[in-house]
Amino acid sequence: ERHRLDRARFSADSLVGFRRGDAEADSVALRLALDDVA
């Protein structure tokens, strides 16, 4: 799967990605463990 993200926050073992939606606030688009990232 391929995901385009406006921004992402990283921790030691995971990432939380954000995409700008129709609303003004960012919406969470993706939560992944870094091991799942190819």
PDB file of all heavy atoms in Angstrom:
ATOM      1  N   GLU A   1       0.850  -1.197   0.000  1.00  0.00           N
ATOM      2  CA  GLU A   1       0.000   0.000   0.000  1.00  0.00           C
ATOM      3  C   GLU A   1       0.882   1.242   0.000  1.00  0.00           C
ATOM      4  O   GLU A   1       1.950   1.267   0.594  1.00  0.00           O
ATOM      5  CB  GLU A   1      -0.896   0.024   1.238  1.00  0.00           C
ATOM      6  CG  GLU A   1      -1.899  -1.097   1.289  1.00  0.00           C
ATOM      7  CD  GLU A   1      -2.702  -1.059   2.581  1.00  0.00           C
ATOM      8  OE1 GLU A   1      -2.526  -0.099   3.370  1.00  0.00           O
ATOM      9  OE2 GLU A   1      -3.493  -1.979   2.802  1.00  0.00           O
ATOM     10  N   ARG A   2       0.395   2.267  -0.694  1.00  0.00           N
ATOM     11  CA  ARG A   2       1.118   3.539  -0.765  1.00  0.00           C
ATOM     12  C   ARG A   2       0.257   4.649  -0.188  1.00  0.00           C
ATOM     13  O   ARG A   2      -0.904   4.788  -0.551  1.00  0.00           O
ATOM     14  CB  ARG A   2       1.389   3.837  -2.231  1.00  0.00           C
ATOM     15  CG  ARG A   2       2.785   4.236  -2.512  1.00  0.00           C
ATOM     16  CD  ARG A   2       2.916   4.494  -3.975  1.00  0.00           C
ATOM     17  NE  ARG A   2       3.582   5.767  -4.087  1.00  0.00           N
ATOM     18  CZ  ARG A   2       4.591   5.992  -4.883  1.00  0.00           C
ATOM     19  NH1 ARG A   2       4.982   5.078  -5.702  1.00  0.00           N
ATOM     20  NH2 ARG A   2       5.165   7.151  -4.887  1.00  0.00           N
ATOM     21  N   HIS A   3       0.824   5.446   0.703  1.00  0.00           N
ATOM     22  CA  HIS A   3       0.093   6.527   1.359  1.00  0.00           C
ATOM     23  C   HIS A   3       0.869   7.833   1.222  1.00  0.00           C
ATOM     24  O   HIS A   3       2.056   7.884   1.538  1.00  0.00           O
ATOM     25  CB  HIS A   3      -0.103   6.231   2.853  1.00  0.00           C
ATOM     26  CG  HIS A   3      -0.809   4.947   3.120  1.00  0.00           C
ATOM     27  ND1 HIS A   3      -2.173   4.839   3.103  1.00  0.00           N
ATOM     28  CD2 HIS A   3      -0.334   3.711   3.403  1.00  0.00           C
ATOM     29  CE1 HIS A   3      -2.512   3.594   3.369  1.00  0.00           C
ATOM     30  NE2 HIS A   3      -1.413   2.891   3.551  1.00  0.00           N
ATOM     31  N   ARG A   4       0.199   8.877   0.747  1.00  0.00           N
ATOM     32  CA  ARG A   4       0.790  10.221   0.699  1.00  0.00           C
ATOM     33  C   ARG A   4       0.332  10.965   1.954  1.00  0.00           C
ATOM     34  O   ARG A   4      -0.864  11.062   2.210  1.00  0.00           O
ATOM     35  CB  ARG A   4       0.336  10.970  -0.544  1.00  0.00           C
ATOM     36  CG  ARG A   4       0.913  10.420  -1.794  1.00  0.00           C
ATOM     37  CD  ARG A   4       0.616  11.349  -2.963  1.00  0.00           C
ATOM     38  NE  ARG A   4       1.133  10.793  -4.178  1.00  0.00           N
ATOM     39  CZ  ARG A   4       2.364  11.019  -4.642  1.00  0.00           C
ATOM     40  NH1 ARG A   4       3.168  11.799  -3.968  1.00  0.00           N
ATOM     41  NH2 ARG A   4       2.770  10.464  -5.759  1.00  0.00           N
ATOM     42  N   LEU A   5       1.296  11.506   2.681  1.00  0.00           N
ATOM     43  CA  LEU A   5       0.998  12.192   3.933  1.00  0.00           C
ATOM     44  C   LEU A   5       1.535  13.615   3.896  1.00  0.00           C
ATOM     45  O   LEU A   5       2.624  13.855   3.368  1.00  0.00           O
ATOM     46  CB  LEU A   5       1.632  11.441   5.112  1.00  0.00           C
ATOM     47  CG  LEU A   5       1.225   9.971   5.269  1.00  0.00           C
ATOM     48  CD1 LEU A   5       2.074   9.312   6.342  1.00  0.00           C
ATOM     49  CD2 LEU A   5      -0.242   9.872   5.610  1.00  0.00           C
ATOM     50  N   ASP A   6       0.754  14.534   4.460  1.00  0.00           N
ATOM     51  CA  ASP A   6       1.223  15.916   4.574  1.00  0.00           C
ATOM     52  C   ASP A   6       2.289  16.031   5.651  1.00  0.00           C
ATOM     53  O   ASP A   6       3.248  16.770   5.515  1.00  0.00           O
ATOM     54  CB  ASP A   6       0.067  16.858   4.894  1.00  0.00           C
ATOM     55  CG  ASP A   6      -0.880  16.999   3.720  1.00  0.00           C
ATOM     56  OD1 ASP A   6      -0.399  16.984   2.570  1.00  0.00           O
ATOM     57  OD2 ASP A   6      -2.092  17.124   3.943  1.00  0.00           O
ATOM     58  N   ARG A   7       2.099  15.293   6.722  1.00  0.00           N
ATOM     59  CA  ARG A   7       3.104  15.264   7.787  1.00  0.00           C
ATOM     60  C   ARG A   7       2.937  13.982   8.591  1.00  0.00           C
ATOM     61  O   ARG A   7       1.892  13.338   8.530  1.00  0.00           O
ATOM     62  CB  ARG A   7       3.018  16.488   8.682  1.00  0.00           C
ATOM     63  CG  ARG A   7       1.756  16.648   9.454  1.00  0.00           C
ATOM     64  CD  ARG A   7       1.724  17.981  10.213  1.00  0.00           C
ATOM     65  NE  ARG A   7       0.482  18.127  10.928  1.00  0.00           N
ATOM     66  CZ  ARG A   7       0.296  17.762  12.195  1.00  0.00           C
ATOM     67  NH1 ARG A   7       1.287  17.272  12.886  1.00  0.00           N
ATOM     68  NH2 ARG A   7      -0.876  17.931  12.766  1.00  0.00           N
ATOM     69  N   ALA A   8       3.975  13.623   9.319  1.00  0.00           N
ATOM     70  CA  ALA A   8       3.937  12.427  10.156  1.00  0.00           C
ATOM     71  C   ALA A   8       4.762  12.665  11.403  1.00  0.00           C
ATOM     72  O   ALA A   8       5.795  13.337  11.360  1.00  0.00           O
ATOM     73  CB  ALA A   8       4.462  11.217   9.399  1.00  0.00           C
ATOM     74  N   ARG A   9       4.288  12.112  12.499  1.00  0.00           N
ATOM     75  CA  ARG A   9       5.026  12.150  13.769  1.00  0.00           C
ATOM     76  C   ARG A   9       5.631  10.778  13.999  1.00  0.00           C
ATOM     77  O   ARG A   9       4.982   9.764  13.786  1.00  0.00           O
ATOM     78  CB  ARG A   9       4.092  12.489  14.921  1.00  0.00           C
ATOM     79  CG  ARG A   9       3.634  13.902  14.905  1.00  0.00           C
ATOM     80  CD  ARG A   9       2.942  14.257  16.205  1.00  0.00           C
ATOM     81  NE  ARG A   9       2.153  15.453  15.989  1.00  0.00           N
ATOM     82  CZ  ARG A   9       0.925  15.622  16.429  1.00  0.00           C
ATOM     83  NH1 ARG A   9       0.341  14.669  17.126  1.00  0.00           N
ATOM     84  NH2 ARG A   9       0.287  16.737  16.195  1.00  0.00           N
ATOM     85  N   PHE A  10       6.863  10.769  14.460  1.00  0.00           N
ATOM     86  CA  PHE A  10       7.585   9.515  14.660  1.00  0.00           C
ATOM     87  C   PHE A  10       7.925   9.325  16.126  1.00  0.00           C
ATOM     88  O   PHE A  10       8.247  10.275  16.834  1.00  0.00           O
ATOM     89  CB  PHE A  10       8.893   9.521  13.861  1.00  0.00           C
ATOM     90  CG  PHE A  10       8.685   9.476  12.385  1.00  0.00           C
ATOM     91  CD1 PHE A  10       8.486  10.643  11.667  1.00  0.00           C
ATOM     92  CD2 PHE A  10       8.665   8.272  11.716  1.00  0.00           C
ATOM     93  CE1 PHE A  10       8.290  10.613  10.307  1.00  0.00           C
ATOM     94  CE2 PHE A  10       8.474   8.234  10.349  1.00  0.00           C
ATOM     95  CZ  PHE A  10       8.283   9.401   9.649  1.00  0.00           C
ATOM     96  N   SER A  11       7.853   8.077  16.561  1.00  0.00           N
ATOM     97  CA  SER A  11       8.390   7.691  17.864  1.00  0.00           C
ATOM     98  C   SER A  11       9.435   6.619  17.575  1.00  0.00           C
ATOM     99  O   SER A  11       9.755   6.352  16.427  1.00  0.00           O
ATOM    100  CB  SER A  11       7.275   7.175  18.780  1.00  0.00           C
ATOM    101  OG  SER A  11       6.718   5.996  18.255  1.00  0.00           O
ATOM    102  N   ALA A  12       9.940   5.976  18.598  1.00  0.00           N
ATOM    103  CA  ALA A  12      11.009   4.996  18.408  1.00  0.00           C
ATOM    104  C   ALA A  12      10.567   3.803  17.565  1.00  0.00           C
ATOM    105  O   ALA A  12      11.368   3.223  16.840  1.00  0.00           O
ATOM    106  CB  ALA A  12      11.519   4.524  19.761  1.00  0.00           C
ATOM    107  N   ASP A  13       9.261   3.449  17.626  1.00  0.00           N
ATOM    108  CA  ASP A  13       8.841   2.235  16.922  1.00  0.00           C
ATOM    109  C   ASP A  13       7.589   2.406  16.068  1.00  0.00           C
ATOM    110  O   ASP A  13       7.090   1.437  15.502  1.00  0.00           O
ATOM    111  CB  ASP A  13       8.613   1.108  17.924  1.00  0.00           C
ATOM    112  CG  ASP A  13       7.546   1.449  18.940  1.00  0.00           C
ATOM    113  OD1 ASP A  13       7.122   2.613  18.997  1.00  0.00           O
ATOM    114  OD2 ASP A  13       7.123   0.540  19.683  1.00  0.00           O
ATOM    115  N   SER A  14       7.064   3.633  15.940  1.00  0.00           N
ATOM    116  CA  SER A  14       5.835   3.803  15.158  1.00  0.00           C
ATOM    117  C   SER A  14       5.773   5.184  14.518  1.00  0.00           C
ATOM    118  O   SER A  14       6.545   6.069  14.849  1.00  0.00           O
ATOM    119  CB  SER A  14       4.610   3.590  16.046  1.00  0.00           C
ATOM    120  OG  SER A  14       4.560   4.581  17.046  1.00  0.00           O
ATOM    121  N   LEU A  15       4.821   5.316  13.602  1.00  0.00           N
ATOM    122  CA  LEU A  15       4.554   6.621  13.000  1.00  0.00           C
ATOM    123  C   LEU A  15       3.062   6.848  12.948  1.00  0.00           C
ATOM    124  O   LEU A  15       2.277   5.907  12.837  1.00  0.00           O
ATOM    125  CB  LEU A  15       5.166   6.753  11.606  1.00  0.00           C
ATOM    126  CG  LEU A  15       4.555   6.045  10.413  1.00  0.00           C
ATOM    127  CD1 LEU A  15       3.444   6.867   9.774  1.00  0.00           C
ATOM    128  CD2 LEU A  15       5.624   5.827   9.369  1.00  0.00           C
ATOM    129  N   VAL A  16       2.674   8.104  13.072  1.00  0.00           N
ATOM    130  CA  VAL A  16       1.279   8.510  12.932  1.00  0.00           C
ATOM    131  C   VAL A  16       1.267   9.560  11.834  1.00  0.00           C
ATOM    132  O   VAL A  16       1.896  10.609  11.950  1.00  0.00           O
ATOM    133  CB  VAL A  16       0.721   9.100  14.246  1.00  0.00           C
ATOM    134  CG1 VAL A  16      -0.703   9.574  14.051  1.00  0.00           C
ATOM    135  CG2 VAL A  16       0.807   8.078  15.372  1.00  0.00           C
ATOM    136  N   GLY A  17       0.575   9.257  10.717  1.00  0.00           N
ATOM    137  CA  GLY A  17       0.551  10.149   9.566  1.00  0.00           C
ATOM    138  C   GLY A  17      -0.718  10.967   9.507  1.00  0.00           C
ATOM    139  O   GLY A  17      -1.787  10.517   9.925  1.00  0.00           O
ATOM    140  N   PHE A  18      -0.593  12.172   9.003  1.00  0.00           N
ATOM    141  CA  PHE A  18      -1.719  13.100   8.893  1.00  0.00           C
ATOM    142  C   PHE A  18      -1.861  13.563   7.455  1.00  0.00           C
ATOM    143  O   PHE A  18      -0.881  13.804   6.769  1.00  0.00           O
ATOM    144  CB  PHE A  18      -1.496  14.322   9.791  1.00  0.00           C
ATOM    145  CG  PHE A  18      -1.347  13.991  11.238  1.00  0.00           C
ATOM    146  CD1 PHE A  18      -0.103  13.727  11.781  1.00  0.00           C
ATOM    147  CD2 PHE A  18      -2.452  13.942  12.054  1.00  0.00           C
ATOM    148  CE1 PHE A  18       0.030  13.418  13.113  1.00  0.00           C
ATOM    149  CE2 PHE A  18      -2.335  13.640  13.396  1.00  0.00           C
ATOM    150  CZ  PHE A  18      -1.084  13.372  13.928  1.00  0.00           C
ATOM    151  N   ARG A  19      -3.103  13.680   7.032  1.00  0.00           N
ATOM    152  CA  ARG A  19      -3.437  14.224   5.724  1.00  0.00           C
ATOM    153  C   ARG A  19      -4.431  15.334   5.930  1.00  0.00           C
ATOM    154  O   ARG A  19      -5.348  15.211   6.738  1.00  0.00           O
ATOM    155  CB  ARG A  19      -4.085  13.138   4.856  1.00  0.00           C
ATOM    156  CG  ARG A  19      -3.387  12.885   3.591  1.00  0.00           C
ATOM    157  CD  ARG A  19      -4.137  11.956   2.679  1.00  0.00           C
ATOM    158  NE  ARG A  19      -5.054  11.032   3.274  1.00  0.00           N
ATOM    159  CZ  ARG A  19      -4.912   9.705   3.258  1.00  0.00           C
ATOM    160  NH1 ARG A  19      -3.875   9.170   2.692  1.00  0.00           N
ATOM    161  NH2 ARG A  19      -5.798   8.941   3.798  1.00  0.00           N
ATOM    162  N   ARG A  20      -4.295  16.420   5.187  1.00  0.00           N
ATOM    163  CA  ARG A  20      -5.242  17.528   5.332  1.00  0.00           C
ATOM    164  C   ARG A  20      -6.534  17.119   4.656  1.00  0.00           C
ATOM    165  O   ARG A  20      -6.576  16.814   3.481  1.00  0.00           O
ATOM    166  CB  ARG A  20      -4.709  18.800   4.695  1.00  0.00           C
ATOM    167  CG  ARG A  20      -5.613  19.990   4.994  1.00  0.00           C
ATOM    168  CD  ARG A  20      -4.911  21.298   4.746  1.00  0.00           C
ATOM    169  NE  ARG A  20      -3.679  21.456   5.499  1.00  0.00           N
ATOM    170  CZ  ARG A  20      -3.607  21.893   6.750  1.00  0.00           C
ATOM    171  NH1 ARG A  20      -4.702  22.203   7.401  1.00  0.00           N
ATOM    172  NH2 ARG A  20      -2.467  22.027   7.358  1.00  0.00           N
ATOM    173  N   GLY A  21      -7.590  17.108   5.414  1.00  0.00           N
ATOM    174  CA  GLY A  21      -8.887  16.730   4.878  1.00  0.00           C
ATOM    175  C   GLY A  21      -9.676  17.941   4.445  1.00  0.00           C
ATOM    176  O   GLY A  21      -9.147  19.025   4.245  1.00  0.00           O
ATOM    177  N   ASP A  22     -10.976  17.763   4.283  1.00  0.00           N
ATOM    178  CA  ASP A  22     -11.841  18.875   3.910  1.00  0.00           C
ATOM    179  C   ASP A  22     -11.981  19.866   5.054  1.00  0.00           C
ATOM    180  O   ASP A  22     -12.173  21.050   4.843  1.00  0.00           O
ATOM    181  CB  ASP A  22     -13.228  18.362   3.509  1.00  0.00           C
ATOM    182  CG  ASP A  22     -13.153  17.544   2.233  1.00  0.00           C
ATOM    183  OD1 ASP A  22     -12.240  17.806   1.424  1.00  0.00           O
ATOM    184  OD2 ASP A  22     -13.994  16.658   2.059  1.00  0.00           O
ATOM    185  N   ALA A  23     -11.878  19.367   6.275  1.00  0.00           N
ATOM    186  CA  ALA A  23     -12.005  20.244   7.443  1.00  0.00           C
ATOM    187  C   ALA A  23     -10.685  20.975   7.669  1.00  0.00           C
ATOM    188  O   ALA A  23      -9.661  20.630   7.109  1.00  0.00           O
ATOM    189  CB  ALA A  23     -12.359  19.421   8.672  1.00  0.00           C
ATOM    190  N   GLU A  24     -10.708  21.987   8.481  1.00  0.00           N
ATOM    191  CA  GLU A  24      -9.508  22.766   8.766  1.00  0.00           C
ATOM    192  C   GLU A  24      -8.498  21.963   9.581  1.00  0.00           C
ATOM    193  O   GLU A  24      -7.307  22.111   9.408  1.00  0.00           O
ATOM    194  CB  GLU A  24      -9.881  24.043   9.522  1.00  0.00           C
ATOM    195  CG  GLU A  24     -10.538  25.078   8.656  1.00  0.00           C
ATOM    196  CD  GLU A  24      -9.609  25.590   7.563  1.00  0.00           C
ATOM    197  OE1 GLU A  24      -8.438  25.864   7.845  1.00  0.00           O
ATOM    198  OE2 GLU A  24     -10.071  25.696   6.419  1.00  0.00           O
ATOM    199  N   ALA A  25      -8.991  21.118  10.477  1.00  0.00           N
ATOM    200  CA  ALA A  25      -8.097  20.347  11.333  1.00  0.00           C
ATOM    201  C   ALA A  25      -7.535  19.164  10.564  1.00  0.00           C
ATOM    202  O   ALA A  25      -8.178  18.609   9.684  1.00  0.00           O
ATOM    203  CB  ALA A  25      -8.851  19.860  12.569  1.00  0.00           C
ATOM    204  N   ASP A  26      -6.296  18.799  10.885  1.00  0.00           N
ATOM    205  CA  ASP A  26      -5.701  17.622  10.261  1.00  0.00           C
ATOM    206  C   ASP A  26      -6.411  16.387  10.770  1.00  0.00           C
ATOM    207  O   ASP A  26      -6.868  16.313  11.906  1.00  0.00           O
ATOM    208  CB  ASP A  26      -4.220  17.518  10.610  1.00  0.00           C
ATOM    209  CG  ASP A  26      -3.396  18.570   9.904  1.00  0.00           C
ATOM    210  OD1 ASP A  26      -3.870  19.092   8.880  1.00  0.00           O
ATOM    211  OD2 ASP A  26      -2.292  18.860  10.380  1.00  0.00           O
ATOM    212  N   SER A  27      -6.510  15.387   9.915  1.00  0.00           N
ATOM    213  CA  SER A  27      -7.137  14.148  10.335  1.00  0.00           C
ATOM    214  C   SER A  27      -6.104  13.024  10.259  1.00  0.00           C
ATOM    215  O   SER A  27      -5.272  12.991   9.363  1.00  0.00           O
ATOM    216  CB  SER A  27      -8.330  13.827   9.428  1.00  0.00           C
ATOM    217  OG  SER A  27      -7.893  13.727   8.090  1.00  0.00           O
ATOM    218  N   VAL A  28      -6.145  12.125  11.224  1.00  0.00           N
ATOM    219  CA  VAL A  28      -5.220  11.000  11.250  1.00  0.00           C
ATOM    220  C   VAL A  28      -5.561  10.086  10.089  1.00  0.00           C
ATOM    221  O   VAL A  28      -6.697   9.673   9.906  1.00  0.00           O
ATOM    222  CB  VAL A  28      -5.316  10.239  12.589  1.00  0.00           C
ATOM    223  CG1 VAL A  28      -4.466   8.993  12.552  1.00  0.00           C
ATOM    224  CG2 VAL A  28      -4.902  11.138  13.732  1.00  0.00           C
ATOM    225  N   ALA A  29      -4.571   9.806   9.262  1.00  0.00           N
ATOM    226  CA  ALA A  29      -4.796   8.968   8.099  1.00  0.00           C
ATOM    227  C   ALA A  29      -4.176   7.592   8.260  1.00  0.00           C
ATOM    228  O   ALA A  29      -4.621   6.648   7.626  1.00  0.00           O
ATOM    229  CB  ALA A  29      -4.217   9.631   6.854  1.00  0.00           C
ATOM    230  N   LEU A  30      -3.173   7.487   9.125  1.00  0.00           N
ATOM    231  CA  LEU A  30      -2.411   6.252   9.162  1.00  0.00           C
ATOM    232  C   LEU A  30      -1.680   6.100  10.494  1.00  0.00           C
ATOM    233  O   LEU A  30      -1.090   7.056  10.992  1.00  0.00           O
ATOM    234  CB  LEU A  30      -1.384   6.298   8.021  1.00  0.00           C
ATOM    235  CG  LEU A  30      -0.498   5.111   7.775  1.00  0.00           C
ATOM    236  CD1 LEU A  30      -1.322   3.922   7.311  1.00  0.00           C
ATOM    237  CD2 LEU A  30       0.521   5.461   6.716  1.00  0.00           C
ATOM    238  N   ARG A  31      -1.750   4.904  11.047  1.00  0.00           N
ATOM    239  CA  ARG A  31      -0.945   4.546  12.222  1.00  0.00           C
ATOM    240  C   ARG A  31      -0.236   3.257  11.869  1.00  0.00           C
ATOM    241  O   ARG A  31      -0.873   2.266  11.512  1.00  0.00           O
ATOM    242  CB  ARG A  31      -1.821   4.312  13.448  1.00  0.00           C
ATOM    243  CG  ARG A  31      -2.481   5.543  13.978  1.00  0.00           C
ATOM    244  CD  ARG A  31      -3.360   5.195  15.193  1.00  0.00           C
ATOM    245  NE  ARG A  31      -4.257   6.267  15.519  1.00  0.00           N
ATOM    246  CZ  ARG A  31      -3.970   7.253  16.359  1.00  0.00           C
ATOM    247  NH1 ARG A  31      -2.804   7.280  16.956  1.00  0.00           N
ATOM    248  NH2 ARG A  31      -4.841   8.203  16.600  1.00  0.00           N
ATOM    249  N   LEU A  32       1.101   3.276  11.944  1.00  0.00           N
ATOM    250  CA  LEU A  32       1.892   2.116  11.543  1.00  0.00           C
ATOM    251  C   LEU A  32       3.060   1.892  12.489  1.00  0.00           C
ATOM    252  O   LEU A  32       3.645   2.852  12.990  1.00  0.00           O
ATOM    253  CB  LEU A  32       2.504   2.333  10.154  1.00  0.00           C
ATOM    254  CG  LEU A  32       1.668   2.103   8.923  1.00  0.00           C
ATOM    255  CD1 LEU A  32       2.485   2.452   7.690  1.00  0.00           C
ATOM    256  CD2 LEU A  32       1.203   0.669   8.841  1.00  0.00           C
ATOM    257  N   ALA A  33       3.403   0.628  12.660  1.00  0.00           N
ATOM    258  CA  ALA A  33       4.662   0.296  13.315  1.00  0.00           C
ATOM    259  C   ALA A  33       5.762   0.478  12.272  1.00  0.00           C
ATOM    260  O   ALA A  33       5.552   0.224  11.083  1.00  0.00           O
ATOM    261  CB  ALA A  33       4.639  -1.139  13.821  1.00  0.00           C
ATOM    262  N   LEU A  34       6.933   0.939  12.677  1.00  0.00           N
ATOM    263  CA  LEU A  34       8.014   1.155  11.720  1.00  0.00           C
ATOM    264  C   LEU A  34       8.454  -0.148  11.059  1.00  0.00           C
ATOM    265  O   LEU A  34       8.988  -0.132   9.951  1.00  0.00           O
ATOM    266  CB  LEU A  34       9.197   1.847  12.398  1.00  0.00           C
ATOM    267  CG  LEU A  34       8.973   3.308  12.785  1.00  0.00           C
ATOM    268  CD1 LEU A  34      10.218   3.892  13.429  1.00  0.00           C
ATOM    269  CD2 LEU A  34       8.561   4.136  11.592  1.00  0.00           C
ATOM    270  N   ASP A  35       8.212  -1.279  11.706  1.00  0.00           N
ATOM    271  CA  ASP A  35       8.543  -2.574  11.104  1.00  0.00           C
ATOM    272  C   ASP A  35       7.656  -2.876   9.898  1.00  0.00           C
ATOM    273  O   ASP A  35       8.036  -3.659   9.031  1.00  0.00           O
ATOM    274  CB  ASP A  35       8.407  -3.699  12.138  1.00  0.00           C
ATOM    275  CG  ASP A  35       9.469  -3.601  13.216  1.00  0.00           C
ATOM    276  OD1 ASP A  35      10.523  -2.983  12.957  1.00  0.00           O
ATOM    277  OD2 ASP A  35       9.242  -4.148  14.314  1.00  0.00           O
ATOM    278  N   ASP A  36       6.470  -2.271   9.836  1.00  0.00           N
ATOM    279  CA  ASP A  36       5.550  -2.493   8.712  1.00  0.00           C
ATOM    280  C   ASP A  36       5.843  -1.583   7.522  1.00  0.00           C
ATOM    281  O   ASP A  36       5.210  -1.711   6.477  1.00  0.00           O
ATOM    282  CB  ASP A  36       4.099  -2.271   9.158  1.00  0.00           C
ATOM    283  CG  ASP A  36       3.661  -3.308  10.178  1.00  0.00           C
ATOM    284  OD1 ASP A  36       4.262  -4.399  10.216  1.00  0.00           O
ATOM    285  OD2 ASP A  36       2.719  -3.015  10.936  1.00  0.00           O
ATOM    286  N   VAL A  37       6.788  -0.669   7.659  1.00  0.00           N
ATOM    287  CA  VAL A  37       7.119   0.257   6.579  1.00  0.00           C
ATOM    288  C   VAL A  37       8.188  -0.370   5.695  1.00  0.00           C
ATOM    289  O   VAL A  37       9.269  -0.729   6.157  1.00  0.00           O
ATOM    290  CB  VAL A  37       7.614   1.611   7.148  1.00  0.00           C
ATOM    291  CG1 VAL A  37       8.061   2.537   6.039  1.00  0.00           C
ATOM    292  CG2 VAL A  37       6.532   2.247   7.979  1.00  0.00           C
ATOM    293  N   ALA A  38       7.884  -0.498   4.405  1.00  0.00           N
ATOM    294  CA  ALA A  38       8.855  -1.032   3.456  1.00  0.00           C
ATOM    295  C   ALA A  38       9.754   0.076   2.922  1.00  0.00           C
ATOM    296  O   ALA A  38      10.952  -0.108   2.743  1.00  0.00           O
ATOM    297  CB  ALA A  38       8.142  -1.719   2.297  1.00  0.00           C
TER     298      ALA A  38
END
